[in-house]
Amino acid sequence: MELIVTPSALSCFKGEWGIGDGESVRVFVRYVSGGEKPFAFGITRDTPLDAAVTTVAELITFYMESKDVWFLEGRSLKIDCEGEDIVYRLS
């Protein structure tokens, strides 16, 4: 189980989001609908409380709290950027 942040995603976080060195970005699971895929990933600036998975890319920490890693089910999460959108890929 790991978080992977691509260079294009990192560029998006720094440019579009204005996230700088030393900041932390939390990846979390959120309920989005009662349909076929009721859960999705969300992101926010935050400070880790009980981080279960972390990765540091160019002095920015990306992490998921213990309460959210159930959604990974032992898989890896790649955070990427397509155009101006952040996308999430489980593998």
Protein backbone atom coordinates (compact mmCIF):
# COMPACT_ATOMS: atom_id res chain seq x y z
CA MET A 1 0.00 0.00 0.00
CA GLU A 2 1.55 3.27 -1.12
CA LEU A 3 0.84 6.74 -2.45
CA ILE A 4 2.52 7.74 -5.69
CA VAL A 5 2.48 11.37 -6.84
CA THR A 6 3.46 11.96 -10.45
CA PRO A 7 5.55 14.96 -11.51
CA SER A 8 2.56 16.40 -13.41
CA ALA A 9 0.35 16.14 -10.30
CA LEU A 10 3.05 17.79 -8.22
CA SER A 11 3.26 20.62 -10.74
CA CYS A 12 -0.52 21.05 -10.54
CA PHE A 13 -0.49 21.14 -6.74
CA LYS A 14 2.26 23.75 -6.74
CA GLY A 15 0.88 25.88 -9.57
CA GLU A 16 -2.92 25.62 -9.46
CA TRP A 17 -3.29 24.92 -5.75
CA GLY A 18 -0.41 27.08 -4.51
CA ILE A 19 0.90 24.35 -2.22
CA GLY A 20 4.47 24.97 -1.14
CA ASP A 21 7.41 23.31 0.54
CA GLY A 22 6.68 21.94 4.00
CA GLU A 23 2.90 21.72 3.50
CA SER A 24 0.81 18.55 3.78
CA VAL A 25 -1.96 17.27 1.54
CA ARG A 26 -4.46 14.76 2.95
CA VAL A 27 -6.08 12.25 0.62
CA PHE A 28 -9.39 11.06 2.05
CA VAL A 29 -12.38 8.92 1.11
CA ARG A 30 -15.75 10.58 0.73
CA TYR A 31 -19.26 9.43 -0.04
CA VAL A 32 -20.44 10.79 -3.41
CA SER A 33 -23.60 8.84 -4.32
CA GLY A 34 -25.63 5.69 -3.85
CA GLY A 35 -24.72 4.50 -7.34
CA GLU A 36 -22.29 1.93 -8.65
CA LYS A 37 -19.27 3.80 -7.22
CA PRO A 38 -20.52 5.41 -4.01
CA PHE A 39 -17.08 6.52 -2.75
CA ALA A 40 -14.34 8.68 -4.27
CA PHE A 41 -11.12 10.34 -3.20
CA GLY A 42 -10.89 13.92 -2.06
CA ILE A 43 -7.90 16.10 -1.18
CA THR A 44 -7.30 18.99 1.17
CA ARG A 45 -4.50 20.83 2.94
CA ASP A 46 -4.28 19.44 6.45
CA THR A 47 -1.95 18.33 9.22
CA PRO A 48 -1.51 14.58 9.83
CA LEU A 49 -3.11 13.22 13.01
CA ASP A 50 -2.89 9.44 12.48
CA ALA A 51 -1.24 9.01 9.08
CA ALA A 52 -1.15 5.41 7.87
CA VAL A 53 0.42 6.00 4.44
CA THR A 54 2.72 8.89 3.56
CA THR A 55 4.98 9.97 0.76
CA VAL A 56 7.06 13.11 0.35
CA ALA A 57 7.48 14.67 -3.09
CA GLU A 58 9.69 17.75 -3.38
CA LEU A 59 9.17 18.69 0.29
CA ILE A 60 5.37 18.29 0.16
CA THR A 61 3.89 15.49 2.27
CA PHE A 62 0.95 13.51 0.88
CA TYR A 63 -0.82 11.17 3.28
CA MET A 64 -3.90 9.16 4.17
CA GLU A 65 -5.20 8.81 7.70
CA SER A 66 -5.74 5.36 9.22
CA LYS A 67 -9.52 5.77 9.00
CA ASP A 68 -9.35 6.09 5.18
CA VAL A 69 -6.91 3.38 4.07
CA TRP A 70 -9.65 0.72 4.05
CA PHE A 71 -10.56 1.99 0.58
CA LEU A 72 -7.14 1.07 -0.81
CA GLU A 73 -7.60 -2.61 0.11
CA GLY A 74 -3.83 -3.15 0.01
CA ARG A 75 -3.45 -1.48 -3.41
CA SER A 76 -1.37 1.53 -4.40
CA LEU A 77 -2.86 4.91 -5.25
CA LYS A 78 -1.29 6.99 -8.01
CA ILE A 79 -2.21 10.68 -8.00
CA ASP A 80 -1.85 12.23 -11.44
CA CYS A 81 -2.96 15.30 -13.38
CA GLU A 82 -4.84 15.36 -16.68
CA GLY A 83 -5.25 18.88 -17.99
CA GLU A 84 -6.23 20.83 -14.88
CA ASP A 85 -7.85 17.84 -13.11
CA ILE A 86 -6.32 15.69 -10.40
CA VAL A 87 -7.05 12.02 -11.11
CA TYR A 88 -6.67 8.94 -8.92
CA ARG A 89 -5.66 5.49 -10.15
CA LEU A 90 -5.71 2.38 -7.99
CA SER A 91 -3.33 -0.44 -8.89
